[in-house]
C-alpha atoms as a PDB file:
ATOM      1  CA  UNK A   1     223.575 149.989  72.311  1.00  0.00           C
ATOM      2  CA  UNK A   2     225.750 151.364  69.480  1.00  0.00           C
ATOM      3  CA  UNK A   3     229.891 150.832  69.877  1.00  0.00           C
ATOM      4  CA  UNK A   4     231.176 153.574  71.367  1.00  0.00           C
ATOM      5  CA  UNK A   5     235.319 154.001  71.866  1.00  0.00           C
ATOM      6  CA  UNK A   6     236.604 152.732  75.104  1.00  0.00           C
ATOM      7  CA  UNK A   7     238.323 155.719  76.864  1.00  0.00           C
ATOM      8  CA  UNK A   8     241.791 155.316  77.794  1.00  0.00           C
ATOM      9  CA  UNK A   9     242.695 158.537  79.104  1.00  0.00           C
ATOM     10  CA  UNK A  10     241.177 160.982  81.979  1.00  0.00           C
ATOM     11  CA  UNK A  11     240.051 163.476  79.639  1.00  0.00           C
ATOM     12  CA  UNK A  12     238.095 160.777  77.306  1.00  0.00           C
ATOM     13  CA  UNK A  13     236.583 159.346  80.514  1.00  0.00           C
ATOM     14  CA  UNK A  14     235.540 162.565  81.828  1.00  0.00           C
ATOM     15  CA  UNK A  15     233.951 163.841  78.267  1.00  0.00           C
ATOM     16  CA  UNK A  16     231.987 160.509  77.969  1.00  0.00           C
ATOM     17  CA  UNK A  17     230.789 160.832  81.430  1.00  0.00           C
ATOM     18  CA  UNK A  18     229.283 164.224  80.746  1.00  0.00           C
ATOM     19  CA  UNK A  19     227.887 162.560  77.582  1.00  0.00           C
ATOM     20  CA  UNK A  20     226.047 159.688  79.548  1.00  0.00           C
ATOM     21  CA  UNK A  21     224.599 162.792  81.576  1.00  0.00           C
ATOM     22  CA  UNK A  22     226.943 162.804  85.143  1.00  0.00           C
ATOM     23  CA  UNK A  23     226.468 165.615  87.131  1.00  0.00           C
ATOM     24  CA  UNK A  24     229.917 168.086  87.700  1.00  0.00           C
ATOM     25  CA  UNK A  25     230.141 167.064  91.425  1.00  0.00           C
ATOM     26  CA  UNK A  26     230.066 163.129  90.416  1.00  0.00           C
ATOM     27  CA  UNK A  27     232.783 164.022  87.714  1.00  0.00           C
ATOM     28  CA  UNK A  28     234.834 165.584  89.913  1.00  0.00           C
ATOM     29  CA  UNK A  29     234.638 162.631  92.385  1.00  0.00           C
ATOM     30  CA  UNK A  30     236.218 160.344  89.302  1.00  0.00           C
ATOM     31  CA  UNK A  31     239.078 163.612  89.127  1.00  0.00           C
ATOM     32  CA  UNK A  32     239.969 162.733  92.634  1.00  0.00           C
ATOM     33  CA  UNK A  33     239.978 158.969  91.900  1.00  0.00           C
ATOM     34  CA  UNK A  34     242.254 159.438  89.350  1.00  0.00           C
ATOM     35  CA  UNK A  35     244.577 161.515  90.775  1.00  0.00           C
ATOM     36  CA  UNK A  36     245.322 159.311  93.122  1.00  0.00           C
ATOM     37  CA  UNK A  37     245.682 156.492  90.417  1.00  0.00           C
ATOM     38  CA  UNK A  38     248.259 158.404  89.172  1.00  0.00           C
ATOM     39  CA  UNK A  39     250.065 158.528  92.199  1.00  0.00           C
ATOM     40  CA  UNK A  40     250.149 154.879  92.871  1.00  0.00           C
ATOM     41  CA  UNK A  41     250.908 153.659  89.487  1.00  0.00           C
ATOM     42  CA  UNK A  42     252.514 156.464  87.709  1.00  0.00           C
ATOM     43  CA  UNK A  43     255.698 153.826  85.725  1.00  0.00           C
ATOM     44  CA  UNK A  44     253.570 150.665  86.065  1.00  0.00           C
ATOM     45  CA  UNK A  45     253.187 148.898  82.706  1.00  0.00           C
ATOM     46  CA  UNK A  46     250.983 145.692  81.762  1.00  0.00           C
ATOM     47  CA  UNK A  47     252.729 143.186  80.442  1.00  0.00           C
ATOM     48  CA  UNK A  48     251.658 144.426  76.449  1.00  0.00           C
ATOM     49  CA  UNK A  49     253.753 147.805  77.585  1.00  0.00           C
ATOM     50  CA  UNK A  50     249.920 149.406  77.874  1.00  0.00           C
ATOM     51  CA  UNK A  51     250.109 152.011  81.023  1.00  0.00           C
ATOM     52  CA  UNK A  52     248.698 150.545  83.902  1.00  0.00           C
ATOM     53  CA  UNK A  53     247.050 153.959  84.516  1.00  0.00           C
ATOM     54  CA  UNK A  54     245.359 153.187  80.878  1.00  0.00           C
ATOM     55  CA  UNK A  55     244.147 149.943  82.017  1.00  0.00           C
ATOM     56  CA  UNK A  56     242.526 151.279  85.060  1.00  0.00           C
ATOM     57  CA  UNK A  57     240.715 154.450  83.183  1.00  0.00           C
ATOM     58  CA  UNK A  58     239.447 151.694  80.507  1.00  0.00           C
ATOM     59  CA  UNK A  59     238.055 149.284  83.431  1.00  0.00           C
ATOM     60  CA  UNK A  60     236.599 152.636  84.945  1.00  0.00           C
ATOM     61  CA  UNK A  61     234.886 153.822  81.551  1.00  0.00           C
ATOM     62  CA  UNK A  62     233.548 150.570  80.548  1.00  0.00           C
ATOM     63  CA  UNK A  63     231.804 150.386  84.048  1.00  0.00           C
ATOM     64  CA  UNK A  64     230.206 153.955  83.404  1.00  0.00           C
ATOM     65  CA  UNK A  65     229.204 152.609  80.019  1.00  0.00           C
ATOM     66  CA  UNK A  66     227.185 150.030  81.125  1.00  0.00           C
ATOM     67  CA  UNK A  67     225.298 151.911  83.634  1.00  0.00           C
ATOM     68  CA  UNK A  68     227.746 151.732  86.550  1.00  0.00           C
ATOM     69  CA  UNK A  69     226.647 154.152  89.807  1.00  0.00           C
ATOM     70  CA  UNK A  70     229.457 156.451  90.959  1.00  0.00           C
ATOM     71  CA  UNK A  71     230.682 154.058  93.664  1.00  0.00           C
ATOM     72  CA  UNK A  72     231.326 151.397  91.435  1.00  0.00           C
ATOM     73  CA  UNK A  73     232.958 153.428  88.751  1.00  0.00           C
ATOM     74  CA  UNK A  74     235.446 154.976  91.280  1.00  0.00           C
ATOM     75  CA  UNK A  75     236.235 151.965  92.482  1.00  0.00           C
ATOM     76  CA  UNK A  76     237.306 150.459  88.913  1.00  0.00           C
ATOM     77  CA  UNK A  77     239.233 153.457  89.234  1.00  0.00           C
ATOM     78  CA  UNK A  78     241.390 151.872  91.972  1.00  0.00           C
ATOM     79  CA  UNK A  79     240.710 148.203  91.985  1.00  0.00           C
ATOM     80  CA  UNK A  80     244.103 147.277  91.843  1.00  0.00           C
ATOM     81  CA  UNK A  81     245.262 149.909  94.214  1.00  0.00           C
ATOM     82  CA  UNK A  82     245.802 147.360  97.379  1.00  0.00           C
ATOM     83  CA  UNK A  83     247.419 144.545  95.597  1.00  0.00           C
ATOM     84  CA  UNK A  84     249.549 146.719  92.702  1.00  0.00           C
ATOM     85  CA  UNK A  85     249.590 150.093  93.924  1.00  0.00           C
ATOM     86  CA  UNK A  86     252.604 151.589  94.637  1.00  0.00           C
ATOM     87  CA  UNK A  87     251.761 153.071  98.761  1.00  0.00           C
ATOM     88  CA  UNK A  88     255.565 153.075  98.720  1.00  0.00           C
ATOM     89  CA  UNK A  89     255.554 150.597 101.815  1.00  0.00           C
ATOM     90  CA  UNK A  90     256.371 147.525  99.612  1.00  0.00           C
ATOM     91  CA  UNK A  91     253.593 145.583 100.700  1.00  0.00           C
ATOM     92  CA  UNK A  92     250.827 144.400  98.290  1.00  0.00           C
ATOM     93  CA  UNK A  93     247.846 144.251 100.987  1.00  0.00           C
ATOM     94  CA  UNK A  94     245.408 146.593 102.856  1.00  0.00           C
ATOM     95  CA  UNK A  95     247.252 148.670 105.795  1.00  0.00           C
ATOM     96  CA  UNK A  96     245.326 150.751 108.503  1.00  0.00           C
ATOM     97  CA  UNK A  97     246.979 153.652 106.478  1.00  0.00           C
ATOM     98  CA  UNK A  98     246.040 152.982 103.050  1.00  0.00           C
ATOM     99  CA  UNK A  99     242.335 151.997 104.102  1.00  0.00           C
ATOM    100  CA  UNK A 100     242.199 155.238 105.372  1.00  0.00           C
ATOM    101  CA  UNK A 101     243.303 156.980 102.485  1.00  0.00           C
ATOM    102  CA  UNK A 102     241.129 155.405  99.870  1.00  0.00           C
ATOM    103  CA  UNK A 103     238.084 156.023 102.048  1.00  0.00           C
ATOM    104  CA  UNK A 104     238.907 159.547 102.224  1.00  0.00           C
ATOM    105  CA  UNK A 105     239.168 159.547  98.443  1.00  0.00           C
ATOM    106  CA  UNK A 106     236.491 157.339  97.502  1.00  0.00           C
ATOM    107  CA  UNK A 107     234.034 157.183 100.674  1.00  0.00           C
ATOM    108  CA  UNK A 108     233.592 154.111 102.701  1.00  0.00           C
ATOM    109  CA  UNK A 109     231.037 152.233 100.321  1.00  0.00           C
ATOM    110  CA  UNK A 110     233.393 152.344  96.866  1.00  0.00           C
ATOM    111  CA  UNK A 111     236.555 151.533  99.379  1.00  0.00           C
ATOM    112  CA  UNK A 112     234.616 148.250 100.276  1.00  0.00           C
ATOM    113  CA  UNK A 113     234.105 147.234  96.712  1.00  0.00           C
ATOM    114  CA  UNK A 114     238.191 147.674  96.349  1.00  0.00           C
ATOM    115  CA  UNK A 115     239.043 145.710  99.155  1.00  0.00           C
ATOM    116  CA  UNK A 116     236.727 142.946  98.156  1.00  0.00           C
ATOM    117  CA  UNK A 117     237.855 143.050  94.648  1.00  0.00           C
ATOM    118  CA  UNK A 118     241.604 141.583  95.383  1.00  0.00           C
ATOM    119  CA  UNK A 119     240.919 138.299  97.377  1.00  0.00           C
ATOM    120  CA  UNK A 120     237.257 137.830  95.425  1.00  0.00           C
ATOM    121  CA  UNK A 121     237.874 133.878  93.880  1.00  0.00           C
ATOM    122  CA  UNK A 122     236.300 135.385  90.617  1.00  0.00           C
ATOM    123  CA  UNK A 123     236.975 132.309  88.693  1.00  0.00           C
ATOM    124  CA  UNK A 124     235.003 130.127  90.991  1.00  0.00           C
ATOM    125  CA  UNK A 125     232.141 132.826  91.434  1.00  0.00           C
ATOM    126  CA  UNK A 126     231.637 133.900  88.422  1.00  0.00           C
ATOM    127  CA  UNK A 127     231.168 130.038  86.970  1.00  0.00           C
ATOM    128  CA  UNK A 128     228.687 130.072  90.215  1.00  0.00           C
ATOM    129  CA  UNK A 129     226.928 132.729  88.703  1.00  0.00           C
ATOM    130  CA  UNK A 130     226.650 131.254  85.532  1.00  0.00           C
ATOM    131  CA  UNK A 131     225.600 127.867  86.347  1.00  0.00           C
ATOM    132  CA  UNK A 132     222.750 129.316  89.421  1.00  0.00           C
ATOM    133  CA  UNK A 133     221.939 132.619  88.124  1.00  0.00           C
ATOM    134  CA  UNK A 134     221.940 135.815  90.136  1.00  0.00           C
ATOM    135  CA  UNK A 135     221.111 134.640  93.163  1.00  0.00           C
ATOM    136  CA  UNK A 136     224.474 132.903  93.790  1.00  0.00           C
ATOM    137  CA  UNK A 137     225.995 135.834  94.727  1.00  0.00           C
ATOM    138  CA  UNK A 138     225.586 138.199  97.589  1.00  0.00           C
ATOM    139  CA  UNK A 139     224.686 141.712  96.525  1.00  0.00           C
ATOM    140  CA  UNK A 140     228.061 143.158  97.630  1.00  0.00           C
ATOM    141  CA  UNK A 141     229.852 139.990  95.682  1.00  0.00           C
ATOM    142  CA  UNK A 142     227.066 141.066  92.046  1.00  0.00           C
ATOM    143  CA  UNK A 143     229.146 144.691  92.367  1.00  0.00           C
ATOM    144  CA  UNK A 144     232.538 143.030  92.562  1.00  0.00           C
ATOM    145  CA  UNK A 145     231.823 140.666  89.871  1.00  0.00           C
ATOM    146  CA  UNK A 146     230.668 143.514  87.588  1.00  0.00           C
ATOM    147  CA  UNK A 147     234.145 145.177  88.501  1.00  0.00           C
ATOM    148  CA  UNK A 148     235.787 142.318  87.535  1.00  0.00           C
ATOM    149  CA  UNK A 149     234.065 141.517  84.601  1.00  0.00           C
ATOM    150  CA  UNK A 150     234.322 144.820  83.234  1.00  0.00           C
ATOM    151  CA  UNK A 151     238.129 144.522  84.190  1.00  0.00           C
ATOM    152  CA  UNK A 152     238.255 141.305  81.952  1.00  0.00           C
ATOM    153  CA  UNK A 153     236.582 142.786  78.746  1.00  0.00           C
ATOM    154  CA  UNK A 154     239.237 145.772  79.253  1.00  0.00           C
ATOM    155  CA  UNK A 155     242.305 143.095  79.228  1.00  0.00           C
ATOM    156  CA  UNK A 156     241.028 142.564  75.611  1.00  0.00           C
ATOM    157  CA  UNK A 157     240.773 146.089  74.493  1.00  0.00           C
ATOM    158  CA  UNK A 158     243.375 146.857  71.898  1.00  0.00           C
ATOM    159  CA  UNK A 159     243.855 143.368  71.132  1.00  0.00           C
ATOM    160  CA  UNK A 160     246.388 143.539  74.078  1.00  0.00           C
ATOM    161  CA  UNK A 161     246.010 139.774  74.666  1.00  0.00           C
ATOM    162  CA  UNK A 162     247.223 139.061  70.685  1.00  0.00           C
ATOM    163  CA  UNK A 163     250.896 141.060  72.027  1.00  0.00           C
ATOM    164  CA  UNK A 164     251.690 138.671  75.010  1.00  0.00           C
ATOM    165  CA  UNK A 165     250.161 135.337  73.997  1.00  0.00           C
ATOM    166  CA  UNK A 166     251.691 133.716  76.851  1.00  0.00           C
ATOM    167  CA  UNK A 167     249.573 136.025  79.257  1.00  0.00           C
ATOM    168  CA  UNK A 168     245.899 134.913  76.748  1.00  0.00           C
ATOM    169  CA  UNK A 169     244.981 132.090  79.233  1.00  0.00           C
ATOM    170  CA  UNK A 170     244.936 134.631  82.504  1.00  0.00           C
ATOM    171  CA  UNK A 171     241.755 136.427  81.282  1.00  0.00           C
ATOM    172  CA  UNK A 172     238.796 135.308  80.577  1.00  0.00           C
ATOM    173  CA  UNK A 173     237.756 134.802  77.019  1.00  0.00           C
ATOM    174  CA  UNK A 174     234.971 137.494  75.710  1.00  0.00           C
ATOM    175  CA  UNK A 175     232.118 135.017  75.079  1.00  0.00           C
ATOM    176  CA  UNK A 176     232.487 133.922  78.600  1.00  0.00           C
ATOM    177  CA  UNK A 177     232.771 137.344  80.207  1.00  0.00           C
ATOM    178  CA  UNK A 178     229.428 138.209  78.035  1.00  0.00           C
ATOM    179  CA  UNK A 179     227.513 135.390  79.314  1.00  0.00           C
ATOM    180  CA  UNK A 180     228.616 136.295  82.976  1.00  0.00           C
ATOM    181  CA  UNK A 181     226.932 139.847  82.233  1.00  0.00           C
ATOM    182  CA  UNK A 182     223.817 138.095  81.090  1.00  0.00           C
ATOM    183  CA  UNK A 183     223.836 135.924  84.415  1.00  0.00           C
ATOM    184  CA  UNK A 184     224.576 138.927  86.235  1.00  0.00           C
ATOM    185  CA  UNK A 185     221.678 140.962  84.914  1.00  0.00           C
ATOM    186  CA  UNK A 186     224.152 143.815  83.141  1.00  0.00           C
ATOM    187  CA  UNK A 187     222.881 143.079  79.378  1.00  0.00           C
ATOM    188  CA  UNK A 188     225.126 146.809  78.430  1.00  0.00           C
ATOM    189  CA  UNK A 189     228.229 144.788  80.062  1.00  0.00           C
ATOM    190  CA  UNK A 190     227.191 141.967  77.665  1.00  0.00           C
ATOM    191  CA  UNK A 191     226.923 143.936  74.581  1.00  0.00           C
ATOM    192  CA  UNK A 192     230.526 145.863  75.151  1.00  0.00           C
ATOM    193  CA  UNK A 193     232.138 142.332  75.850  1.00  0.00           C
ATOM    194  CA  UNK A 194     230.431 141.352  72.586  1.00  0.00           C
ATOM    195  CA  UNK A 195     231.740 144.663  70.161  1.00  0.00           C
ATOM    196  CA  UNK A 196     235.383 143.917  71.338  1.00  0.00           C
ATOM    197  CA  UNK A 197     235.395 140.908  70.492  1.00  0.00           C
ATOM    198  CA  UNK A 198     234.031 141.869  66.948  1.00  0.00           C
ATOM    199  CA  UNK A 199     236.238 144.646  67.096  1.00  0.00           C
ATOM    200  CA  UNK A 200     239.285 142.066  67.964  1.00  0.00           C
ATOM    201  CA  UNK A 201     238.243 138.975  66.250  1.00  0.00           C
ATOM    202  CA  UNK A 202     240.280 139.382  62.947  1.00  0.00           C
ATOM    203  CA  UNK A 203     243.197 141.439  64.222  1.00  0.00           C
ATOM    204  CA  UNK A 204     246.763 139.906  63.588  1.00  0.00           C
ATOM    205  CA  UNK A 205     249.694 141.070  65.577  1.00  0.00           C
ATOM    206  CA  UNK A 206     253.166 140.113  63.898  1.00  0.00           C
ATOM    207  CA  UNK A 207     255.321 137.999  66.070  1.00  0.00           C
ATOM    208  CA  UNK A 208     257.861 140.501  66.151  1.00  0.00           C
ATOM    209  CA  UNK A 209     255.669 143.192  67.470  1.00  0.00           C
ATOM    210  CA  UNK A 210     254.899 140.745  70.588  1.00  0.00           C
ATOM    211  CA  UNK A 211     256.125 141.171  73.791  1.00  0.00           C
ATOM    212  CA  UNK A 212     257.771 138.276  76.052  1.00  0.00           C
ATOM    213  CA  UNK A 213     255.657 137.452  79.059  1.00  0.00           C
ATOM    214  CA  UNK A 214     258.700 138.748  81.711  1.00  0.00           C
ATOM    215  CA  UNK A 215     258.363 142.467  79.533  1.00  0.00           C
ATOM    216  CA  UNK A 216     259.219 145.003  82.109  1.00  0.00           C
ATOM    217  CA  UNK A 217     256.152 145.654  84.385  1.00  0.00           C
ATOM    218  CA  UNK A 218     257.970 148.609  86.367  1.00  0.00           C
ATOM    219  CA  UNK A 219     259.834 151.637  84.969  1.00  0.00           C
ATOM    220  CA  UNK A 220     262.049 154.314  87.136  1.00  0.00           C
ATOM    221  CA  UNK A 221     262.605 157.629  85.518  1.00  0.00           C
ATOM    222  CA  UNK A 222     266.680 157.833  85.213  1.00  0.00           C
ATOM    223  CA  UNK A 223     266.340 161.195  86.387  1.00  0.00           C
ATOM    224  CA  UNK A 224     265.093 159.839  89.925  1.00  0.00           C
ATOM    225  CA  UNK A 225     267.503 156.951  90.336  1.00  0.00           C
ATOM    226  CA  UNK A 226     270.415 158.102  92.332  1.00  0.00           C
ATOM    227  CA  UNK A 227     273.823 156.906  91.649  1.00  0.00           C
ATOM    228  CA  UNK A 228     276.367 155.915  94.419  1.00  0.00           C
ATOM    229  CA  UNK A 229     279.496 158.351  93.476  1.00  0.00           C
ATOM    230  CA  UNK A 230     276.628 161.013  93.772  1.00  0.00           C
ATOM    231  CA  UNK A 231     275.369 159.928  97.253  1.00  0.00           C
ATOM    232  CA  UNK A 232     278.842 159.659  98.302  1.00  0.00           C
ATOM    233  CA  UNK A 233     280.443 162.455  96.406  1.00  0.00           C
ATOM    234  CA  UNK A 234     278.222 164.923  95.085  1.00  0.00           C
ATOM    235  CA  UNK A 235     278.538 168.507  95.330  1.00  0.00           C
ATOM    236  CA  UNK A 236     276.300 167.850  98.408  1.00  0.00           C
ATOM    237  CA  UNK A 237     277.399 164.619 100.102  1.00  0.00           C
ATOM    238  CA  UNK A 238     278.400 164.410 103.297  1.00  0.00           C
ATOM    239  CA  UNK A 239     281.772 163.645 102.822  1.00  0.00           C
ATOM    240  CA  UNK A 240     282.057 166.712 100.471  1.00  0.00           C
ATOM    241  CA  UNK A 241     281.076 168.736 103.154  1.00  0.00           C
ATOM    242  CA  UNK A 242     283.236 167.386 105.939  1.00  0.00           C
ATOM    243  CA  UNK A 243     286.164 167.829 103.350  1.00  0.00           C
ATOM    244  CA  UNK A 244     285.620 170.940 104.050  1.00  0.00           C
ATOM    245  CA  UNK A 245     286.371 171.469 107.415  1.00  0.00           C
ATOM    246  CA  UNK A 246     288.401 168.255 108.588  1.00  0.00           C
ATOM    247  CA  UNK A 247     292.172 168.450 108.115  1.00  0.00           C
ATOM    248  CA  UNK A 248     293.147 165.096 105.619  1.00  0.00           C
ATOM    249  CA  UNK A 249     289.654 164.579 104.668  1.00  0.00           C
ATOM    250  CA  UNK A 250     289.944 166.300 100.988  1.00  0.00           C
ATOM    251  CA  UNK A 251     292.677 163.653 100.009  1.00  0.00           C
ATOM    252  CA  UNK A 252     290.518 160.920 101.423  1.00  0.00           C
ATOM    253  CA  UNK A 253     287.725 161.950  99.273  1.00  0.00           C
ATOM    254  CA  UNK A 254     289.516 162.074  95.961  1.00  0.00           C
ATOM    255  CA  UNK A 255     290.497 158.439  96.883  1.00  0.00           C
ATOM    256  CA  UNK A 256     286.949 157.961  97.451  1.00  0.00           C
ATOM    257  CA  UNK A 257     285.991 159.959  93.833  1.00  0.00           C
ATOM    258  CA  UNK A 258     288.463 157.955  92.024  1.00  0.00           C
ATOM    259  CA  UNK A 259     287.333 154.186  93.193  1.00  0.00           C
ATOM    260  CA  UNK A 260     283.491 155.290  92.434  1.00  0.00           C
ATOM    261  CA  UNK A 261     284.356 156.735  89.269  1.00  0.00           C
ATOM    262  CA  UNK A 262     283.453 160.193  89.947  1.00  0.00           C
ATOM    263  CA  UNK A 263     285.010 163.409  88.466  1.00  0.00           C
END
C-alpha cells in the first residue's frame, strides 16, 4: 500500500471513499454520520488546537483505508459521541435518548461499537492481544480494537503530540500501534502506523508553538453568549415590556440598566 494522505475534512473523506469503490448508498451513510458529528462536536478542540471533528474524520479515514466496513467506519466517525459529544444534557454517558439517536443515524451494529468503545479497557486488552494473539479478543472486541488503534494513529497525524508534549504519554506509541495491528490481522493498519511514524519522525516543533496541556477544549461563539444586561434590559426583555404597561416600572428599569452597564 502506497502512502495516502489521511483525510481531515468530510470532502476529503468522501472523495477517498469513492476512490476505494464505496457505493453512493454507503457514502451517504457517512454523510449522515458526519452531520451528527458536527452537531455534537462543534466548538470542540483537541489540546493541540485541532478541531475534534477533524480528529473524528481522520480516525474514520484510517479505518476505511485499512479495509474497515461501513459500520466500522461510521462508528469511528462518532466513536467519542457518548463520552465527549455535546447532546445538550451535560452528561458524558449513554442515555436512552442518545442511544436511540445514534441507532437511528448509524444502525444498531455501528451504535453497539460506539457504546463499547468508551468503557473498553483498551491498554490492557491490546496488551493481551499482543501477548496471546487474536483469540484473546471476542469478535466484538476485535472491531473495537480496530477503532482504538486507528484512533491512536490519528493522535499522531500532523505531529499533533509534538505540539502538546504533556499529552504524548496518553497516546499509544506508533510502533506499539503497528504491532497491535499486526496481531489483530490488520496489516493495512500497521502500514498506516508505520507511514505516519516515518512522516513525523524528524518533524521539530519550536517551543513557542507548543501549547499548554490545559489549552481550551471548548470554544463558544461570541454571538451565542447571552449577556446579563441583554437578558434583563434588552429591547424584548420582560422588564422592557413591563415598563410599557406598569406605572413606575420605567424608572426602575433605568436604575437597573445603569447598574448592569446598559445604555
